[in-house]
Each structure stands twice: as C-alpha cells, then as structure tokens.
Amino acid sequence: MEFVAENKEKMEEFSTEEAVKEAVENAEAMAEQAAEEATKQDNASEEVKEEKEEKEGKKPFKKKEKKKDKRDEQIEQLNDRVMRQMAEFENFRRRTDVEKAQMFGNGAKAIIEKILPVVDNFERGLATVEEGADPFADGMLMIYKQLLTTLDEAGVKPIEAVGQEFNPDFHNAVMHVDDEEVGENIVVEEFQKGYMYNDTVVRHSMVKVAN
C-alpha cells in the first residue's frame, strides 16, 4: 500500500509539473502572438497615417522601389556597352572620313602643283603668237583652253592679282614701286599667276606692289 501511495504521489507531482510547464508555454505563445498582433496593428496604423498624410499633401508620395532582376541588370549593361561601342565606331568613321578627305586634298594639290608649270609654258609660248596667224598655234591654244577648263572643273581657280589690294595670304610681293597714279598697297603687275584649289592656295601670285 505504501508503494502504491508513493507512486500515486509521484504521479501527481509529475502531472503538476507538466501542467505548469504547459501553462508557461501557452502563456509565452500567447504573449508572442499578442506582440505580433500589436506590431501588425502599429504597422497598419503607420501605413494608414502615411496614406492620409500623402492625400492631404503633408508628405510627398513615395513609390515603392521594385528590385531589379539580375537579368534586367545584365541586359542594361549589355545595352550600355553596345551604345558606347556604336558611339566609338561613329567617331572613328568620322575621323576616317576627315583623314581621307585630307589625304585626297593633299594628293590633288601635289598633282596640280606639277601641272601648273605646264600651264605657264603654254602661256609663255602663246604670248608670242597672234591668234589665227598659225594653225599650229591655234591648235595649241585650243589645248591650252581645254586644260584650263579641266582644271576649273576640278576646282582649280586663278587668283586675281592686278588692280587688287595686296594680300599676303594670296600674293607674294617680289618687287616694289612708287606710283602716284595708283593707290597704296595695290598690285600693279603679275609675274607669275597664282592658283587655288577649292579654298586652299596651291601657289601664291608673284607680283609687283605700288606704294
């Protein structure tokens, strides 16, 4: 009987401890749940307050930032890289076009410089012959005019000198003379004709300047 009584007492003590433990756990769970509900209520109240302030204009409206996907970031990076490469290629193409134009202009200028002495010789030879006096001279005159026309179509123009004011950008003064009949710094004679190719001086005019 004592053994049964002792076991019964122990079982009652064990049951009491379990009940206390279970009660404590239930109390803690209820406390955590109550805290979570309180936090949710606070958050909800804060959201309602912010919405109210935004509607009343007291607080600027803020859009929720959406996190970018990694694939979208990679696509943006690739697009940026492609746009940069396209811009670099366009700049390279423009520089290449400018360099080609400069090379072509320099080459054309070099050829024109070699042709101009031939033009000078035509002019010296034809200056001693009257037009219509010699069929051979007439033929040379036609070739000379054709040569000038071809140069003109290619952009080669003679520089005006006689009667113009001296300009060091176009004229090369090799002689000076005092002449009261003409104005100051005026070209009175041209020894060698100057030419321009487009907007570039190929050869300066060799001139005499008065006063």
N, C-alpha and C. Protein backbone atom coordinates (compact mmCIF):
# COMPACT_ATOMS: atom_id res chain seq x y z
N MET A 1 0.83 -1.21 0.00
CA MET A 1 0.00 0.00 0.00
C MET A 1 0.86 1.25 0.00
N GLU A 2 1.96 1.19 0.76
CA GLU A 2 2.86 2.36 0.78
C GLU A 2 3.44 2.61 -0.60
N PHE A 3 3.80 1.48 -1.30
CA PHE A 3 4.39 1.63 -2.65
C PHE A 3 3.39 2.29 -3.59
N VAL A 4 2.15 1.86 -3.50
CA VAL A 4 1.12 2.44 -4.36
C VAL A 4 0.91 3.90 -4.01
N ALA A 5 0.93 4.21 -2.73
CA ALA A 5 0.74 5.60 -2.31
C ALA A 5 1.87 6.48 -2.81
N GLU A 6 3.12 5.94 -2.68
CA GLU A 6 4.27 6.71 -3.15
C GLU A 6 4.18 6.97 -4.65
N ASN A 7 3.84 5.91 -5.41
CA ASN A 7 3.71 6.08 -6.86
C ASN A 7 2.61 7.05 -7.22
N LYS A 8 1.54 6.98 -6.49
CA LYS A 8 0.43 7.90 -6.75
C LYS A 8 0.84 9.33 -6.50
N GLU A 9 1.65 9.53 -5.42
CA GLU A 9 2.10 10.87 -5.08
C GLU A 9 3.06 11.40 -6.14
N LYS A 10 3.95 10.47 -6.60
CA LYS A 10 4.90 10.88 -7.64
C LYS A 10 4.17 11.24 -8.93
N MET A 11 3.17 10.45 -9.29
CA MET A 11 2.41 10.72 -10.50
C MET A 11 1.69 12.06 -10.40
N GLU A 12 1.17 12.35 -9.19
CA GLU A 12 0.51 13.64 -9.02
C GLU A 12 1.50 14.79 -9.17
N GLU A 13 2.74 14.60 -8.61
CA GLU A 13 3.76 15.65 -8.73
C GLU A 13 4.16 15.84 -10.20
N PHE A 14 4.36 14.70 -10.93
CA PHE A 14 4.75 14.77 -12.33
C PHE A 14 3.66 15.46 -13.16
N SER A 15 2.43 15.11 -12.87
CA SER A 15 1.31 15.73 -13.60
C SER A 15 1.26 17.22 -13.31
N THR A 16 1.55 17.61 -12.09
CA THR A 16 1.54 19.03 -11.73
C THR A 16 2.64 19.79 -12.48
N GLU A 17 3.84 19.19 -12.54
CA GLU A 17 4.96 19.84 -13.26
C GLU A 17 4.64 19.99 -14.74
N GLU A 18 4.07 18.94 -15.34
CA GLU A 18 3.70 19.01 -16.74
C GLU A 18 2.66 20.09 -16.99
N ALA A 19 1.72 20.18 -16.09
CA ALA A 19 0.67 21.18 -16.23
C ALA A 19 1.24 22.58 -16.13
N VAL A 20 2.17 22.75 -15.16
CA VAL A 20 2.79 24.07 -15.00
C VAL A 20 3.60 24.44 -16.24
N LYS A 21 4.39 23.44 -16.72
CA LYS A 21 5.21 23.68 -17.91
C LYS A 21 4.34 24.02 -19.11
N GLU A 22 3.27 23.26 -19.27
CA GLU A 22 2.37 23.51 -20.39
C GLU A 22 1.71 24.88 -20.27
N ALA A 23 1.38 25.26 -19.04
CA ALA A 23 0.76 26.57 -18.83
C ALA A 23 1.73 27.70 -19.17
N VAL A 24 3.01 27.49 -18.78
CA VAL A 24 4.03 28.51 -19.08
C VAL A 24 4.21 28.65 -20.58
N GLU A 25 4.32 27.50 -21.27
CA GLU A 25 4.50 27.54 -22.73
C GLU A 25 3.32 28.21 -23.41
N ASN A 26 2.12 27.88 -22.94
CA ASN A 26 0.92 28.52 -23.52
C ASN A 26 0.92 30.03 -23.28
N ALA A 27 1.37 30.42 -22.08
CA ALA A 27 1.43 31.85 -21.77
C ALA A 27 2.44 32.57 -22.66
N GLU A 28 3.60 31.92 -22.87
CA GLU A 28 4.62 32.53 -23.74
C GLU A 28 4.13 32.64 -25.17
N ALA A 29 3.47 31.58 -25.67
CA ALA A 29 2.94 31.61 -27.02
C ALA A 29 1.91 32.70 -27.19
N MET A 30 1.04 32.85 -26.17
CA MET A 30 0.02 33.89 -26.23
C MET A 30 0.67 35.28 -26.20
N ALA A 31 1.74 35.42 -25.43
CA ALA A 31 2.43 36.71 -25.36
C ALA A 31 3.06 37.05 -26.72
N GLU A 32 3.72 36.05 -27.35
CA GLU A 32 4.32 36.28 -28.67
C GLU A 32 3.26 36.64 -29.71
N GLN A 33 2.14 35.92 -29.66
CA GLN A 33 1.06 36.20 -30.61
C GLN A 33 0.51 37.60 -30.39
N ALA A 34 0.37 37.97 -29.11
CA ALA A 34 -0.14 39.31 -28.81
C ALA A 34 0.84 40.39 -29.30
N ALA A 35 2.15 40.12 -29.16
CA ALA A 35 3.16 41.09 -29.61
C ALA A 35 3.11 41.23 -31.13
N GLU A 36 2.98 40.08 -31.83
CA GLU A 36 2.90 40.13 -33.29
C GLU A 36 1.68 40.91 -33.74
N GLU A 37 0.56 40.66 -33.09
CA GLU A 37 -0.67 41.38 -33.45
C GLU A 37 -0.52 42.87 -33.18
N ALA A 38 0.16 43.20 -32.09
CA ALA A 38 0.36 44.62 -31.77
C ALA A 38 1.25 45.27 -32.81
N THR A 39 2.30 44.54 -33.24
CA THR A 39 3.21 45.08 -34.27
C THR A 39 2.47 45.30 -35.58
N LYS A 40 1.66 44.30 -35.97
CA LYS A 40 0.87 44.43 -37.19
C LYS A 40 -0.06 45.62 -37.11
N GLN A 41 -0.69 45.81 -35.95
CA GLN A 41 -1.60 46.93 -35.78
C GLN A 41 -0.85 48.27 -35.88
N ASP A 42 0.38 48.28 -35.28
CA ASP A 42 1.17 49.51 -35.36
C ASP A 42 1.56 49.83 -36.80
N ASN A 43 1.98 48.76 -37.52
CA ASN A 43 2.35 48.95 -38.93
C ASN A 43 1.17 49.42 -39.76
N ALA A 44 0.04 48.78 -39.51
CA ALA A 44 -1.16 49.16 -40.25
C ALA A 44 -1.55 50.60 -39.94
N SER A 45 -1.41 50.98 -38.68
CA SER A 45 -1.75 52.36 -38.29
C SER A 45 -0.78 53.35 -38.96
N GLU A 46 0.51 52.94 -39.02
CA GLU A 46 1.52 53.81 -39.65
C GLU A 46 1.23 53.97 -41.13
N GLU A 47 0.85 52.87 -41.82
CA GLU A 47 0.53 52.94 -43.25
C GLU A 47 -0.69 53.82 -43.49
N VAL A 48 -1.68 53.65 -42.62
CA VAL A 48 -2.89 54.48 -42.76
C VAL A 48 -2.54 55.95 -42.55
N LYS A 49 -1.67 56.21 -41.59
CA LYS A 49 -1.26 57.58 -41.30
C LYS A 49 -0.51 58.18 -42.48
N GLU A 50 0.42 57.37 -43.07
CA GLU A 50 1.20 57.86 -44.22
C GLU A 50 0.29 58.13 -45.41
N GLU A 51 -0.66 57.22 -45.67
CA GLU A 51 -1.59 57.42 -46.78
C GLU A 51 -2.41 58.69 -46.58
N LYS A 52 -2.82 58.90 -45.33
CA LYS A 52 -3.62 60.08 -45.02
C LYS A 52 -2.80 61.34 -45.24
N GLU A 53 -1.52 61.32 -44.80
CA GLU A 53 -0.65 62.48 -44.98
C GLU A 53 -0.38 62.73 -46.46
N GLU A 54 -0.21 61.64 -47.23
CA GLU A 54 0.03 61.79 -48.66
C GLU A 54 -1.18 62.41 -49.37
N LYS A 55 -2.37 61.95 -48.98
CA LYS A 55 -3.58 62.50 -49.57
C LYS A 55 -3.75 63.98 -49.21
N GLU A 56 -3.40 64.33 -47.97
CA GLU A 56 -3.56 65.72 -47.53
C GLU A 56 -2.42 66.61 -48.03
N GLY A 57 -1.40 65.98 -48.64
CA GLY A 57 -0.29 66.76 -49.17
C GLY A 57 0.75 67.10 -48.15
N LYS A 58 0.66 66.53 -46.95
CA LYS A 58 1.65 66.82 -45.92
C LYS A 58 2.93 66.04 -46.13
N LYS A 59 2.85 64.96 -46.84
CA LYS A 59 4.02 64.11 -47.04
C LYS A 59 4.08 63.71 -48.50
N PRO A 60 5.24 63.88 -49.14
CA PRO A 60 5.35 63.52 -50.57
C PRO A 60 5.13 62.04 -50.78
N PHE A 61 4.48 61.76 -51.88
CA PHE A 61 4.18 60.37 -52.21
C PHE A 61 5.45 59.65 -52.64
N LYS A 62 5.70 58.51 -52.07
CA LYS A 62 6.88 57.71 -52.40
C LYS A 62 6.44 56.40 -53.02
N LYS A 63 6.96 56.18 -54.19
CA LYS A 63 6.67 54.90 -54.84
C LYS A 63 7.57 53.81 -54.26
N LYS A 64 7.01 52.68 -54.11
CA LYS A 64 7.80 51.56 -53.63
C LYS A 64 8.77 51.12 -54.71
N GLU A 65 10.04 51.07 -54.31
CA GLU A 65 11.07 50.68 -55.27
C GLU A 65 11.02 49.18 -55.51
N LYS A 66 10.98 48.86 -56.76
CA LYS A 66 10.94 47.46 -57.14
C LYS A 66 12.35 46.98 -57.44
N LYS A 67 12.74 45.92 -56.81
CA LYS A 67 14.08 45.38 -57.03
C LYS A 67 14.22 44.89 -58.46
N LYS A 68 15.33 45.27 -59.08
CA LYS A 68 15.59 44.85 -60.45
C LYS A 68 16.05 43.40 -60.48
N ASP A 69 15.60 42.74 -61.50
CA ASP A 69 16.04 41.37 -61.71
C ASP A 69 17.47 41.37 -62.26
N LYS A 70 18.23 40.34 -61.93
CA LYS A 70 19.62 40.25 -62.39
C LYS A 70 19.70 40.23 -63.90
N ARG A 71 18.74 39.57 -64.53
CA ARG A 71 18.74 39.53 -65.99
C ARG A 71 18.51 40.91 -66.59
N ASP A 72 17.62 41.70 -65.95
CA ASP A 72 17.39 43.06 -66.42
C ASP A 72 18.66 43.91 -66.28
N GLU A 73 19.37 43.73 -65.16
CA GLU A 73 20.62 44.47 -64.97
C GLU A 73 21.64 44.09 -66.03
N GLN A 74 21.75 42.79 -66.34
CA GLN A 74 22.69 42.34 -67.37
C GLN A 74 22.31 42.91 -68.73
N ILE A 75 21.00 42.94 -69.02
CA ILE A 75 20.54 43.49 -70.30
C ILE A 75 20.89 44.97 -70.39
N GLU A 76 20.69 45.72 -69.29
CA GLU A 76 21.03 47.14 -69.29
C GLU A 76 22.53 47.35 -69.49
N GLN A 77 23.34 46.52 -68.85
CA GLN A 77 24.79 46.64 -69.01
C GLN A 77 25.20 46.35 -70.45
N LEU A 78 24.61 45.33 -71.05
CA LEU A 78 24.94 45.00 -72.44
C LEU A 78 24.49 46.11 -73.39
N ASN A 79 23.30 46.66 -73.15
CA ASN A 79 22.82 47.77 -73.99
C ASN A 79 23.74 48.98 -73.87
N ASP A 80 24.17 49.28 -72.65
CA ASP A 80 25.09 50.40 -72.45
C ASP A 80 26.41 50.17 -73.17
N ARG A 81 26.92 48.93 -73.10
CA ARG A 81 28.17 48.60 -73.78
C ARG A 81 28.03 48.73 -75.29
N VAL A 82 26.89 48.25 -75.82
CA VAL A 82 26.66 48.34 -77.27
C VAL A 82 26.56 49.80 -77.71
N MET A 83 25.86 50.63 -76.93
CA MET A 83 25.71 52.04 -77.29
C MET A 83 27.07 52.75 -77.27
N ARG A 84 27.91 52.41 -76.29
CA ARG A 84 29.25 53.02 -76.23
C ARG A 84 30.08 52.61 -77.43
N GLN A 85 30.02 51.33 -77.79
CA GLN A 85 30.79 50.85 -78.95
C GLN A 85 30.30 51.49 -80.23
N MET A 86 28.98 51.67 -80.36
CA MET A 86 28.44 52.33 -81.55
C MET A 86 28.91 53.78 -81.63
N ALA A 87 28.94 54.47 -80.48
CA ALA A 87 29.41 55.86 -80.47
C ALA A 87 30.89 55.93 -80.85
N GLU A 88 31.68 54.99 -80.31
CA GLU A 88 33.11 54.97 -80.66
C GLU A 88 33.30 54.69 -82.15
N PHE A 89 32.51 53.77 -82.69
CA PHE A 89 32.62 53.46 -84.12
C PHE A 89 32.23 54.65 -84.97
N GLU A 90 31.20 55.39 -84.56
CA GLU A 90 30.77 56.57 -85.32
C GLU A 90 31.86 57.64 -85.31
N ASN A 91 32.49 57.84 -84.14
CA ASN A 91 33.59 58.80 -84.06
C ASN A 91 34.76 58.36 -84.93
N PHE A 92 35.05 57.06 -84.92
CA PHE A 92 36.14 56.53 -85.75
C PHE A 92 35.83 56.75 -87.23
N ARG A 93 34.58 56.51 -87.62
CA ARG A 93 34.19 56.69 -89.02
C ARG A 93 34.34 58.15 -89.44
N ARG A 94 33.93 59.07 -88.57
CA ARG A 94 34.06 60.49 -88.89
C ARG A 94 35.52 60.90 -89.02
N ARG A 95 36.35 60.42 -88.08
CA ARG A 95 37.78 60.74 -88.17
C ARG A 95 38.38 60.17 -89.44
N THR A 96 37.96 58.96 -89.81
CA THR A 96 38.47 58.33 -91.02
C THR A 96 38.06 59.12 -92.26
N ASP A 97 36.81 59.59 -92.29
CA ASP A 97 36.34 60.39 -93.44
C ASP A 97 37.14 61.68 -93.56
N VAL A 98 37.40 62.33 -92.41
CA VAL A 98 38.18 63.57 -92.45
C VAL A 98 39.59 63.30 -92.93
N GLU A 99 40.19 62.22 -92.43
CA GLU A 99 41.56 61.89 -92.85
C GLU A 99 41.60 61.54 -94.34
N LYS A 100 40.59 60.83 -94.83
CA LYS A 100 40.56 60.51 -96.26
C LYS A 100 40.44 61.77 -97.10
N ALA A 101 39.57 62.69 -96.66
CA ALA A 101 39.41 63.94 -97.40
C ALA A 101 40.72 64.73 -97.43
N GLN A 102 41.42 64.77 -96.28
CA GLN A 102 42.69 65.48 -96.22
C GLN A 102 43.73 64.83 -97.12
N MET A 103 43.78 63.50 -97.10
CA MET A 103 44.74 62.79 -97.96
C MET A 103 44.44 63.04 -99.43
N PHE A 104 43.15 63.02 -99.80
CA PHE A 104 42.78 63.28 -101.18
C PHE A 104 43.14 64.71 -101.58
N GLY A 105 42.87 65.65 -100.68
CA GLY A 105 43.19 67.05 -100.97
C GLY A 105 44.69 67.26 -101.13
N ASN A 106 45.47 66.63 -100.25
CA ASN A 106 46.93 66.78 -100.36
C ASN A 106 47.45 66.16 -101.65
N GLY A 107 46.88 65.00 -102.03
CA GLY A 107 47.31 64.36 -103.28
C GLY A 107 46.96 65.19 -104.50
N ALA A 108 45.72 65.73 -104.49
CA ALA A 108 45.30 66.58 -105.61
C ALA A 108 46.15 67.83 -105.70
N LYS A 109 46.47 68.41 -104.55
CA LYS A 109 47.29 69.63 -104.53
C LYS A 109 48.69 69.34 -105.11
N ALA A 110 49.25 68.19 -104.76
CA ALA A 110 50.58 67.84 -105.27
C ALA A 110 50.57 67.67 -106.79
N ILE A 111 49.50 67.07 -107.33
CA ILE A 111 49.40 66.90 -108.79
C ILE A 111 49.23 68.24 -109.50
N ILE A 112 48.40 69.10 -108.90
CA ILE A 112 48.15 70.42 -109.50
C ILE A 112 49.45 71.23 -109.55
N GLU A 113 50.23 71.14 -108.47
CA GLU A 113 51.50 71.87 -108.45
C GLU A 113 52.41 71.43 -109.60
N LYS A 114 52.35 70.16 -110.00
CA LYS A 114 53.17 69.67 -111.10
C LYS A 114 52.60 70.07 -112.47
N ILE A 115 51.28 70.29 -112.53
CA ILE A 115 50.66 70.68 -113.80
C ILE A 115 50.82 72.17 -114.08
N LEU A 116 50.87 72.99 -113.05
CA LEU A 116 50.92 74.44 -113.24
C LEU A 116 52.12 74.90 -114.08
N PRO A 117 53.33 74.34 -113.94
CA PRO A 117 54.42 74.76 -114.84
C PRO A 117 54.11 74.51 -116.32
N VAL A 118 53.33 73.45 -116.60
CA VAL A 118 52.93 73.20 -117.98
C VAL A 118 52.01 74.31 -118.47
N VAL A 119 51.11 74.76 -117.62
CA VAL A 119 50.22 75.88 -117.97
C VAL A 119 51.03 77.14 -118.22
N ASP A 120 52.04 77.37 -117.35
CA ASP A 120 52.90 78.55 -117.53
C ASP A 120 53.61 78.52 -118.89
N ASN A 121 54.09 77.36 -119.30
CA ASN A 121 54.79 77.26 -120.58
C ASN A 121 53.84 77.49 -121.75
N PHE A 122 52.60 77.00 -121.62
CA PHE A 122 51.60 77.28 -122.66
C PHE A 122 51.41 78.79 -122.80
N GLU A 123 51.28 79.48 -121.68
CA GLU A 123 51.02 80.92 -121.70
C GLU A 123 52.22 81.68 -122.28
N ARG A 124 53.43 81.29 -121.92
CA ARG A 124 54.62 81.98 -122.46
C ARG A 124 54.72 81.78 -123.99
N GLY A 125 54.46 80.53 -124.42
CA GLY A 125 54.55 80.26 -125.85
C GLY A 125 53.46 80.97 -126.64
N LEU A 126 52.24 80.97 -126.13
CA LEU A 126 51.12 81.58 -126.85
C LEU A 126 51.19 83.11 -126.82
N ALA A 127 51.91 83.64 -125.84
CA ALA A 127 52.02 85.11 -125.76
C ALA A 127 52.79 85.69 -126.93
N THR A 128 53.60 84.90 -127.61
CA THR A 128 54.41 85.38 -128.73
C THR A 128 53.75 85.15 -130.08
N VAL A 129 52.56 84.54 -130.09
CA VAL A 129 51.89 84.19 -131.35
C VAL A 129 50.53 84.88 -131.39
N GLU A 130 50.20 85.44 -132.53
CA GLU A 130 48.89 86.05 -132.71
C GLU A 130 47.86 84.98 -133.06
N GLU A 131 46.67 85.13 -132.51
CA GLU A 131 45.62 84.15 -132.74
C GLU A 131 45.17 84.20 -134.21
N GLY A 132 45.13 83.06 -134.88
CA GLY A 132 44.71 82.96 -136.27
C GLY A 132 45.86 83.07 -137.26
N ALA A 133 47.05 83.38 -136.79
CA ALA A 133 48.19 83.54 -137.70
C ALA A 133 48.82 82.20 -138.06
N ASP A 134 48.70 81.22 -137.21
CA ASP A 134 49.35 79.94 -137.43
C ASP A 134 48.39 78.83 -136.99
N PRO A 135 48.06 77.91 -137.87
CA PRO A 135 47.16 76.81 -137.49
C PRO A 135 47.70 75.97 -136.34
N PHE A 136 49.00 75.78 -136.32
CA PHE A 136 49.60 75.01 -135.22
C PHE A 136 49.42 75.73 -133.89
N ALA A 137 49.66 77.03 -133.89
CA ALA A 137 49.48 77.83 -132.68
C ALA A 137 48.02 77.83 -132.25
N ASP A 138 47.11 77.87 -133.23
CA ASP A 138 45.68 77.80 -132.90
C ASP A 138 45.34 76.46 -132.22
N GLY A 139 45.96 75.41 -132.71
CA GLY A 139 45.74 74.10 -132.09
C GLY A 139 46.24 74.07 -130.66
N MET A 140 47.44 74.65 -130.43
CA MET A 140 47.98 74.74 -129.07
C MET A 140 47.09 75.58 -128.16
N LEU A 141 46.51 76.64 -128.74
CA LEU A 141 45.60 77.48 -127.96
C LEU A 141 44.35 76.71 -127.54
N MET A 142 43.84 75.89 -128.42
CA MET A 142 42.66 75.07 -128.08
C MET A 142 43.00 74.08 -126.97
N ILE A 143 44.19 73.48 -127.05
CA ILE A 143 44.61 72.54 -125.99
C ILE A 143 44.77 73.27 -124.66
N TYR A 144 45.34 74.49 -124.72
CA TYR A 144 45.51 75.30 -123.50
C TYR A 144 44.16 75.64 -122.86
N LYS A 145 43.18 76.04 -123.67
CA LYS A 145 41.85 76.36 -123.14
C LYS A 145 41.17 75.13 -122.56
N GLN A 146 41.36 74.00 -123.22
CA GLN A 146 40.79 72.76 -122.71
C GLN A 146 41.42 72.38 -121.36
N LEU A 147 42.71 72.61 -121.25
CA LEU A 147 43.40 72.33 -119.99
C LEU A 147 42.88 73.23 -118.87
N LEU A 148 42.68 74.51 -119.15
CA LEU A 148 42.14 75.43 -118.15
C LEU A 148 40.72 75.05 -117.74
N THR A 149 39.93 74.63 -118.72
CA THR A 149 38.55 74.21 -118.41
C THR A 149 38.55 72.99 -117.50
N THR A 150 39.42 72.04 -117.79
CA THR A 150 39.52 70.83 -116.96
C THR A 150 39.95 71.18 -115.54
N LEU A 151 40.92 72.06 -115.40
CA LEU A 151 41.37 72.48 -114.07
C LEU A 151 40.25 73.22 -113.32
N ASP A 152 39.51 74.05 -114.05
CA ASP A 152 38.41 74.78 -113.42
C ASP A 152 37.34 73.83 -112.90
N GLU A 153 37.02 72.81 -113.70
CA GLU A 153 36.02 71.83 -113.27
C GLU A 153 36.50 71.01 -112.07
N ALA A 154 37.82 70.89 -111.95
CA ALA A 154 38.39 70.15 -110.82
C ALA A 154 38.51 71.01 -109.56
N GLY A 155 38.16 72.30 -109.67
CA GLY A 155 38.21 73.18 -108.51
C GLY A 155 39.42 74.08 -108.45
N VAL A 156 40.19 74.14 -109.54
CA VAL A 156 41.39 74.99 -109.58
C VAL A 156 41.01 76.34 -110.19
N LYS A 157 41.24 77.41 -109.43
CA LYS A 157 40.89 78.76 -109.89
C LYS A 157 42.11 79.66 -109.82
N PRO A 158 42.28 80.56 -110.81
CA PRO A 158 43.39 81.54 -110.74
C PRO A 158 43.09 82.61 -109.71
N ILE A 159 44.13 83.12 -109.08
CA ILE A 159 43.99 84.17 -108.08
C ILE A 159 44.04 85.53 -108.77
N GLU A 160 43.09 86.39 -108.47
CA GLU A 160 43.09 87.73 -109.04
C GLU A 160 44.19 88.55 -108.38
N ALA A 161 44.94 89.27 -109.20
CA ALA A 161 46.08 90.00 -108.65
C ALA A 161 46.11 91.45 -109.09
N VAL A 162 46.29 91.72 -110.39
CA VAL A 162 46.46 93.08 -110.89
C VAL A 162 45.23 93.93 -110.56
N GLY A 163 45.48 95.10 -109.94
CA GLY A 163 44.39 96.01 -109.55
C GLY A 163 43.81 95.69 -108.19
N GLN A 164 44.22 94.58 -107.58
CA GLN A 164 43.70 94.22 -106.27
C GLN A 164 44.65 94.71 -105.17
N GLU A 165 44.11 94.89 -103.98
CA GLU A 165 44.95 95.26 -102.85
C GLU A 165 45.82 94.07 -102.45
N PHE A 166 47.05 94.37 -102.14
CA PHE A 166 47.99 93.30 -101.80
C PHE A 166 47.52 92.54 -100.56
N ASN A 167 47.52 91.21 -100.68
CA ASN A 167 47.10 90.34 -99.58
C ASN A 167 48.14 89.23 -99.44
N PRO A 168 48.88 89.21 -98.36
CA PRO A 168 49.93 88.20 -98.20
C PRO A 168 49.41 86.77 -98.18
N ASP A 169 48.12 86.60 -97.96
CA ASP A 169 47.56 85.25 -97.99
C ASP A 169 47.49 84.69 -99.41
N PHE A 170 47.45 85.60 -100.42
CA PHE A 170 47.33 85.18 -101.81
C PHE A 170 48.48 85.65 -102.70
N HIS A 171 49.14 86.72 -102.29
CA HIS A 171 50.15 87.34 -103.14
C HIS A 171 51.54 87.25 -102.51
N ASN A 172 52.52 87.14 -103.38
CA ASN A 172 53.92 87.14 -102.96
C ASN A 172 54.62 88.31 -103.64
N ALA A 173 54.90 89.38 -102.88
CA ALA A 173 55.49 90.60 -103.43
C ALA A 173 56.99 90.41 -103.62
N VAL A 174 57.44 90.51 -104.87
CA VAL A 174 58.86 90.37 -105.16
C VAL A 174 59.47 91.69 -105.63
N MET A 175 58.62 92.70 -105.82
CA MET A 175 59.12 94.00 -106.28
C MET A 175 58.18 95.10 -105.79
N HIS A 176 58.78 96.27 -105.50
CA HIS A 176 58.01 97.41 -105.03
C HIS A 176 58.31 98.61 -105.90
N VAL A 177 57.29 99.42 -106.15
CA VAL A 177 57.45 100.59 -107.00
C VAL A 177 56.58 101.72 -106.45
N ASP A 178 57.08 102.95 -106.63
CA ASP A 178 56.29 104.13 -106.25
C ASP A 178 55.56 104.63 -107.48
N ASP A 179 54.24 104.73 -107.36
CA ASP A 179 53.42 105.17 -108.50
C ASP A 179 52.27 106.00 -107.94
N GLU A 180 52.26 107.29 -108.29
CA GLU A 180 51.22 108.18 -107.78
C GLU A 180 49.88 107.95 -108.46
N GLU A 181 49.87 107.27 -109.58
CA GLU A 181 48.63 107.06 -110.32
C GLU A 181 47.76 105.95 -109.72
N VAL A 182 48.34 105.13 -108.90
CA VAL A 182 47.57 104.04 -108.27
C VAL A 182 47.55 104.25 -106.76
N GLY A 183 46.64 103.55 -106.14
CA GLY A 183 46.51 103.67 -104.70
C GLY A 183 47.63 102.99 -103.94
N GLU A 184 47.51 103.08 -102.63
CA GLU A 184 48.54 102.50 -101.76
C GLU A 184 48.35 100.99 -101.64
N ASN A 185 49.46 100.28 -101.71
CA ASN A 185 49.46 98.83 -101.49
C ASN A 185 48.62 98.09 -102.54
N ILE A 186 48.72 98.52 -103.79
CA ILE A 186 47.96 97.93 -104.89
C ILE A 186 48.91 97.15 -105.81
N VAL A 187 48.45 95.98 -106.26
CA VAL A 187 49.23 95.16 -107.17
C VAL A 187 49.14 95.77 -108.57
N VAL A 188 50.31 96.09 -109.15
CA VAL A 188 50.32 96.72 -110.46
C VAL A 188 50.79 95.78 -111.57
N GLU A 189 51.45 94.69 -111.20
CA GLU A 189 51.94 93.77 -112.22
C GLU A 189 52.04 92.35 -111.63
N GLU A 190 51.77 91.38 -112.50
CA GLU A 190 51.83 89.97 -112.08
C GLU A 190 52.91 89.26 -112.91
N PHE A 191 53.89 88.69 -112.21
CA PHE A 191 54.96 87.98 -112.90
C PHE A 191 54.63 86.49 -113.09
N GLN A 192 53.93 85.95 -112.12
CA GLN A 192 53.53 84.54 -112.21
C GLN A 192 52.15 84.40 -111.58
N LYS A 193 51.27 83.75 -112.33
CA LYS A 193 49.88 83.62 -111.88
C LYS A 193 49.79 82.62 -110.73
N GLY A 194 48.99 82.99 -109.73
CA GLY A 194 48.75 82.10 -108.60
C GLY A 194 47.44 81.34 -108.77
N TYR A 195 47.33 80.21 -108.07
CA TYR A 195 46.13 79.36 -108.20
C TYR A 195 45.70 78.85 -106.83
N MET A 196 44.39 78.58 -106.76
CA MET A 196 43.81 77.99 -105.56
C MET A 196 43.10 76.70 -105.93
N TYR A 197 43.16 75.74 -105.01
CA TYR A 197 42.40 74.51 -105.17
C TYR A 197 41.32 74.50 -104.08
N ASN A 198 40.08 74.66 -104.53
CA ASN A 198 38.96 74.85 -103.59
C ASN A 198 39.26 76.07 -102.72
N ASP A 199 39.49 75.89 -101.42
CA ASP A 199 39.77 77.03 -100.54
C ASP A 199 41.23 77.08 -100.11
N THR A 200 42.08 76.31 -100.77
CA THR A 200 43.49 76.23 -100.40
C THR A 200 44.36 76.85 -101.48
N VAL A 201 45.32 77.66 -101.07
CA VAL A 201 46.25 78.26 -102.02
C VAL A 201 47.27 77.20 -102.44
N VAL A 202 47.31 76.92 -103.74
CA VAL A 202 48.29 75.98 -104.28
C VAL A 202 49.60 76.71 -104.59
N ARG A 203 49.46 77.90 -105.14
CA ARG A 203 50.64 78.71 -105.46
C ARG A 203 50.27 80.18 -105.34
N HIS A 204 51.10 80.97 -104.62
CA HIS A 204 50.85 82.40 -104.48
C HIS A 204 51.20 83.12 -105.78
N SER A 205 50.52 84.21 -106.03
CA SER A 205 50.82 85.04 -107.19
C SER A 205 52.10 85.84 -106.93
N MET A 206 53.02 85.83 -107.88
CA MET A 206 54.25 86.60 -107.77
C MET A 206 53.98 87.97 -108.39
N VAL A 207 54.04 89.05 -107.59
CA VAL A 207 53.53 90.35 -108.05
C VAL A 207 54.49 91.49 -107.71
N LYS A 208 54.18 92.65 -108.35
CA LYS A 208 54.82 93.92 -108.05
C LYS A 208 53.79 94.80 -107.36
N VAL A 209 54.17 95.45 -106.27
CA VAL A 209 53.23 96.24 -105.46
C VAL A 209 53.66 97.70 -105.50
N ALA A 210 52.66 98.58 -105.64
CA ALA A 210 52.92 100.02 -105.66
C ALA A 210 52.67 100.63 -104.30
N ASN A 211 53.52 101.63 -104.01
CA ASN A 211 53.37 102.47 -102.80
C ASN A 211 53.32 101.66 -101.52
